[in-house]
Amino acid sequence: MAQQPPEIIDVDTPKVACDGGKGPLGHPRVFLNMEGKGQIDCPYCGRRFVLKQGAAAE
């Protein structure tokens, strides 16, 4: 059975940044590029960023 991501965040752009969202308890900021996949998971915290339907892919 596949494990669900801890949080799913809908975004308007395929390039996103993640810092864990917990201030000083988060993780180093990483920049992620979906590269046409429509979604990407943060390698540190597992948050899943999903491109909103109708958002312009770069």
PDB file of N, CA and C in Angstrom:
ATOM      1  N   MET A   1       0.837  -1.173   0.000  1.00  0.00           N
ATOM      2  CA  MET A   1       0.000   0.000   0.000  1.00  0.00           C
ATOM      3  C   MET A   1       0.889   1.245   0.000  1.00  0.00           C
ATOM      4  N   ALA A   2       0.634   2.173  -0.916  1.00  0.00           N
ATOM      5  CA  ALA A   2       1.449   3.385  -1.036  1.00  0.00           C
ATOM      6  C   ALA A   2       1.164   4.337   0.120  1.00  0.00           C
ATOM      7  N   GLN A   3       2.232   4.937   0.625  1.00  0.00           N
ATOM      8  CA  GLN A   3       2.109   5.888   1.715  1.00  0.00           C
ATOM      9  C   GLN A   3       1.701   7.253   1.157  1.00  0.00           C
ATOM     10  N   GLN A   4       0.747   7.915   1.817  1.00  0.00           N
ATOM     11  CA  GLN A   4       0.299   9.232   1.403  1.00  0.00           C
ATOM     12  C   GLN A   4       1.293  10.294   1.847  1.00  0.00           C
ATOM     13  N   PRO A   5       1.460  11.381   1.050  1.00  0.00           N
ATOM     14  CA  PRO A   5       2.348  12.463   1.478  1.00  0.00           C
ATOM     15  C   PRO A   5       1.754  13.149   2.699  1.00  0.00           C
ATOM     16  N   PRO A   6       2.596  13.757   3.548  1.00  0.00           N
ATOM     17  CA  PRO A   6       2.096  14.404   4.761  1.00  0.00           C
ATOM     18  C   PRO A   6       1.225  15.619   4.470  1.00  0.00           C
ATOM     19  N   GLU A   7       1.420  16.271   3.337  1.00  0.00           N
ATOM     20  CA  GLU A   7       0.648  17.463   3.001  1.00  0.00           C
ATOM     21  C   GLU A   7       0.657  17.635   1.491  1.00  0.00           C
ATOM     22  N   ILE A   8      -0.480  18.018   0.921  1.00  0.00           N
ATOM     23  CA  ILE A   8      -0.576  18.284  -0.508  1.00  0.00           C
ATOM     24  C   ILE A   8      -0.874  19.770  -0.676  1.00  0.00           C
ATOM     25  N   ILE A   9      -0.055  20.452  -1.477  1.00  0.00           N
ATOM     26  CA  ILE A   9      -0.184  21.886  -1.678  1.00  0.00           C
ATOM     27  C   ILE A   9      -0.421  22.155  -3.158  1.00  0.00           C
ATOM     28  N   ASP A  10      -1.539  22.812  -3.476  1.00  0.00           N
ATOM     29  CA  ASP A  10      -1.828  23.206  -4.854  1.00  0.00           C
ATOM     30  C   ASP A  10      -1.087  24.500  -5.162  1.00  0.00           C
ATOM     31  N   VAL A  11      -0.411  24.540  -6.299  1.00  0.00           N
ATOM     32  CA  VAL A  11       0.385  25.708  -6.677  1.00  0.00           C
ATOM     33  C   VAL A  11       0.035  26.150  -8.097  1.00  0.00           C
ATOM     34  N   ASP A  12       0.375  27.412  -8.416  1.00  0.00           N
ATOM     35  CA  ASP A  12       0.082  27.992  -9.723  1.00  0.00           C
ATOM     36  C   ASP A  12       1.253  27.938 -10.694  1.00  0.00           C
ATOM     37  N   THR A  13       2.414  27.527 -10.225  1.00  0.00           N
ATOM     38  CA  THR A  13       3.611  27.517 -11.061  1.00  0.00           C
ATOM     39  C   THR A  13       4.358  26.191 -10.882  1.00  0.00           C
ATOM     40  N   PRO A  14       4.994  25.672 -11.944  1.00  0.00           N
ATOM     41  CA  PRO A  14       5.700  24.394 -11.835  1.00  0.00           C
ATOM     42  C   PRO A  14       7.037  24.480 -11.092  1.00  0.00           C
ATOM     43  N   LYS A  15       7.472  25.694 -10.779  1.00  0.00           N
ATOM     44  CA  LYS A  15       8.707  25.870 -10.000  1.00  0.00           C
ATOM     45  C   LYS A  15       8.312  26.377  -8.617  1.00  0.00           C
ATOM     46  N   VAL A  16       8.702  25.632  -7.577  1.00  0.00           N
ATOM     47  CA  VAL A  16       8.315  25.969  -6.209  1.00  0.00           C
ATOM     48  C   VAL A  16       9.524  25.879  -5.281  1.00  0.00           C
ATOM     49  N   ALA A  17       9.375  26.465  -4.098  1.00  0.00           N
ATOM     50  CA  ALA A  17      10.401  26.372  -3.060  1.00  0.00           C
ATOM     51  C   ALA A  17       9.744  25.789  -1.815  1.00  0.00           C
ATOM     52  N   CYS A  18      10.479  24.976  -1.073  1.00  0.00           N
ATOM     53  CA  CYS A  18       9.963  24.384   0.154  1.00  0.00           C
ATOM     54  C   CYS A  18      11.005  24.529   1.254  1.00  0.00           C
ATOM     55  N   ASP A  19      10.537  24.942   2.441  1.00  0.00           N
ATOM     56  CA  ASP A  19      11.429  25.033   3.605  1.00  0.00           C
ATOM     57  C   ASP A  19      10.864  24.255   4.790  1.00  0.00           C
ATOM     58  N   GLY A  20       9.888  23.409   4.533  1.00  0.00           N
ATOM     59  CA  GLY A  20       9.278  22.610   5.587  1.00  0.00           C
ATOM     60  C   GLY A  20       8.143  23.309   6.293  1.00  0.00           C
ATOM     61  N   GLY A  21       8.063  24.629   6.154  1.00  0.00           N
ATOM     62  CA  GLY A  21       6.952  25.383   6.697  1.00  0.00           C
ATOM     63  C   GLY A  21       6.876  25.479   8.209  1.00  0.00           C
ATOM     64  N   LYS A  22       7.934  25.162   8.908  1.00  0.00           N
ATOM     65  CA  LYS A  22       7.877  25.175  10.369  1.00  0.00           C
ATOM     66  C   LYS A  22       8.875  26.164  10.957  1.00  0.00           C
ATOM     67  N   GLY A  23       9.140  27.254  10.230  1.00  0.00           N
ATOM     68  CA  GLY A  23      10.085  28.252  10.721  1.00  0.00           C
ATOM     69  C   GLY A  23      11.442  27.634  10.990  1.00  0.00           C
ATOM     70  N   PRO A  24      12.020  27.884  12.180  1.00  0.00           N
ATOM     71  CA  PRO A  24      13.345  27.337  12.476  1.00  0.00           C
ATOM     72  C   PRO A  24      13.348  25.811  12.621  1.00  0.00           C
ATOM     73  N   LEU A  25      12.185  25.196  12.726  1.00  0.00           N
ATOM     74  CA  LEU A  25      12.115  23.738  12.836  1.00  0.00           C
ATOM     75  C   LEU A  25      11.930  23.064  11.482  1.00  0.00           C
ATOM     76  N   GLY A  26      11.924  23.847  10.420  1.00  0.00           N
ATOM     77  CA  GLY A  26      11.769  23.299   9.070  1.00  0.00           C
ATOM     78  C   GLY A  26      13.061  22.666   8.578  1.00  0.00           C
ATOM     79  N   HIS A  27      13.335  22.838   7.299  1.00  0.00           N
ATOM     80  CA  HIS A  27      14.560  22.299   6.704  1.00  0.00           C
ATOM     81  C   HIS A  27      15.140  23.356   5.773  1.00  0.00           C
ATOM     82  N   PRO A  28      16.354  23.152   5.256  1.00  0.00           N
ATOM     83  CA  PRO A  28      16.919  24.126   4.315  1.00  0.00           C
ATOM     84  C   PRO A  28      15.987  24.317   3.114  1.00  0.00           C
ATOM     85  N   ARG A  29      15.884  25.544   2.634  1.00  0.00           N
ATOM     86  CA  ARG A  29      15.012  25.825   1.488  1.00  0.00           C
ATOM     87  C   ARG A  29      15.566  25.126   0.255  1.00  0.00           C
ATOM     88  N   VAL A  30      14.693  24.404  -0.425  1.00  0.00           N
ATOM     89  CA  VAL A  30      15.054  23.747  -1.679  1.00  0.00           C
ATOM     90  C   VAL A  30      14.110  24.240  -2.767  1.00  0.00           C
ATOM     91  N   PHE A  31      14.630  24.360  -3.964  1.00  0.00           N
ATOM     92  CA  PHE A  31      13.843  24.782  -5.108  1.00  0.00           C
ATOM     93  C   PHE A  31      13.575  23.548  -5.958  1.00  0.00           C
ATOM     94  N   LEU A  32      12.319  23.353  -6.319  1.00  0.00           N
ATOM     95  CA  LEU A  32      11.886  22.151  -7.024  1.00  0.00           C
ATOM     96  C   LEU A  32      11.235  22.533  -8.349  1.00  0.00           C
ATOM     97  N   ASN A  33      11.473  21.748  -9.380  1.00  0.00           N
ATOM     98  CA  ASN A  33      10.906  21.991 -10.701  1.00  0.00           C
ATOM     99  C   ASN A  33      10.176  20.724 -11.134  1.00  0.00           C
ATOM    100  N   MET A  34       8.894  20.846 -11.414  1.00  0.00           N
ATOM    101  CA  MET A  34       8.077  19.684 -11.792  1.00  0.00           C
ATOM    102  C   MET A  34       8.441  19.121 -13.159  1.00  0.00           C
ATOM    103  N   GLU A  35       9.090  19.915 -13.997  1.00  0.00           N
ATOM    104  CA  GLU A  35       9.562  19.473 -15.320  1.00  0.00           C
ATOM    105  C   GLU A  35       8.485  18.741 -16.118  1.00  0.00           C
ATOM    106  N   GLY A  36       7.279  19.318 -16.154  1.00  0.00           N
ATOM    107  CA  GLY A  36       6.195  18.752 -16.958  1.00  0.00           C
ATOM    108  C   GLY A  36       5.462  17.588 -16.322  1.00  0.00           C
ATOM    109  N   LYS A  37       5.787  17.211 -15.096  1.00  0.00           N
ATOM    110  CA  LYS A  37       5.145  16.068 -14.449  1.00  0.00           C
ATOM    111  C   LYS A  37       3.835  16.425 -13.758  1.00  0.00           C
ATOM    112  N   GLY A  38       3.628  17.719 -13.451  1.00  0.00           N
ATOM    113  CA  GLY A  38       2.387  18.131 -12.801  1.00  0.00           C
ATOM    114  C   GLY A  38       2.407  18.026 -11.292  1.00  0.00           C
ATOM    115  N   GLN A  39       3.424  17.382 -10.735  1.00  0.00           N
ATOM    116  CA  GLN A  39       3.566  17.301  -9.281  1.00  0.00           C
ATOM    117  C   GLN A  39       4.990  16.924  -8.924  1.00  0.00           C
ATOM    118  N   ILE A  40       5.362  17.253  -7.684  1.00  0.00           N
ATOM    119  CA  ILE A  40       6.694  16.894  -7.197  1.00  0.00           C
ATOM    120  C   ILE A  40       6.643  16.807  -5.681  1.00  0.00           C
ATOM    121  N   ASP A  41       7.408  15.887  -5.108  1.00  0.00           N
ATOM    122  CA  ASP A  41       7.494  15.722  -3.659  1.00  0.00           C
ATOM    123  C   ASP A  41       8.814  16.305  -3.162  1.00  0.00           C
ATOM    124  N   CYS A  42       8.752  16.999  -2.028  1.00  0.00           N
ATOM    125  CA  CYS A  42       9.963  17.534  -1.417  1.00  0.00           C
ATOM    126  C   CYS A  42      10.799  16.374  -0.880  1.00  0.00           C
ATOM    127  N   PRO A  43      12.096  16.337  -1.204  1.00  0.00           N
ATOM    128  CA  PRO A  43      12.935  15.235  -0.718  1.00  0.00           C
ATOM    129  C   PRO A  43      13.202  15.289   0.786  1.00  0.00           C
ATOM    130  N   TYR A  44      13.003  16.437   1.422  1.00  0.00           N
ATOM    131  CA  TYR A  44      13.232  16.556   2.866  1.00  0.00           C
ATOM    132  C   TYR A  44      11.999  16.156   3.684  1.00  0.00           C
ATOM    133  N   CYS A  45      10.864  16.819   3.413  1.00  0.00           N
ATOM    134  CA  CYS A  45       9.702  16.629   4.289  1.00  0.00           C
ATOM    135  C   CYS A  45       8.571  15.828   3.652  1.00  0.00           C
ATOM    136  N   GLY A  46       8.655  15.577   2.342  1.00  0.00           N
ATOM    137  CA  GLY A  46       7.647  14.767   1.682  1.00  0.00           C
ATOM    138  C   GLY A  46       6.411  15.526   1.226  1.00  0.00           C
ATOM    139  N   ARG A  47       6.360  16.842   1.478  1.00  0.00           N
ATOM    140  CA  ARG A  47       5.215  17.620   0.990  1.00  0.00           C
ATOM    141  C   ARG A  47       5.085  17.409  -0.509  1.00  0.00           C
ATOM    142  N   ARG A  48       3.843  17.290  -0.975  1.00  0.00           N
ATOM    143  CA  ARG A  48       3.601  17.120  -2.407  1.00  0.00           C
ATOM    144  C   ARG A  48       3.037  18.426  -2.964  1.00  0.00           C
ATOM    145  N   PHE A  49       3.702  18.955  -3.968  1.00  0.00           N
ATOM    146  CA  PHE A  49       3.248  20.153  -4.648  1.00  0.00           C
ATOM    147  C   PHE A  49       2.597  19.713  -5.950  1.00  0.00           C
ATOM    148  N   VAL A  50       1.343  20.145  -6.152  1.00  0.00           N
ATOM    149  CA  VAL A  50       0.565  19.748  -7.324  1.00  0.00           C
ATOM    150  C   VAL A  50       0.185  21.001  -8.097  1.00  0.00           C
ATOM    151  N   LEU A  51       0.462  21.001  -9.394  1.00  0.00           N
ATOM    152  CA  LEU A  51       0.128  22.127 -10.251  1.00  0.00           C
ATOM    153  C   LEU A  51      -1.387  22.173 -10.438  1.00  0.00           C
ATOM    154  N   LYS A  52      -1.995  23.329 -10.139  1.00  0.00           N
ATOM    155  CA  LYS A  52      -3.438  23.484 -10.288  1.00  0.00           C
ATOM    156  C   LYS A  52      -3.833  23.281 -11.736  1.00  0.00           C
ATOM    157  N   GLN A  53      -4.998  22.706 -11.939  1.00  0.00           N
ATOM    158  CA  GLN A  53      -5.487  22.488 -13.289  1.00  0.00           C
ATOM    159  C   GLN A  53      -5.718  23.843 -13.955  1.00  0.00           C
ATOM    160  N   GLY A  54      -5.251  23.994 -15.166  1.00  0.00           N
ATOM    161  CA  GLY A  54      -5.374  25.236 -15.902  1.00  0.00           C
ATOM    162  C   GLY A  54      -4.214  26.191 -15.683  1.00  0.00           C
ATOM    163  N   ALA A  55      -3.306  25.885 -14.739  1.00  0.00           N
ATOM    164  CA  ALA A  55      -2.134  26.737 -14.522  1.00  0.00           C
ATOM    165  C   ALA A  55      -1.188  26.579 -15.704  1.00  0.00           C
ATOM    166  N   ALA A  56      -0.542  27.659 -16.073  1.00  0.00           N
ATOM    167  CA  ALA A  56       0.359  27.647 -17.233  1.00  0.00           C
ATOM    168  C   ALA A  56       1.664  26.953 -16.871  1.00  0.00           C
ATOM    169  N   ALA A  57       2.005  25.935 -17.621  1.00  0.00           N
ATOM    170  CA  ALA A  57       3.301  25.280 -17.465  1.00  0.00           C
ATOM    171  C   ALA A  57       4.343  26.109 -18.195  1.00  0.00           C
ATOM    172  N   GLU A  58       5.518  26.253 -17.600  1.00  0.00           N
ATOM    173  CA  GLU A  58       6.572  27.049 -18.221  1.00  0.00           C
ATOM    174  C   GLU A  58       7.373  26.233 -19.203  1.00  0.00           C
TER     175      GLU A  58
END
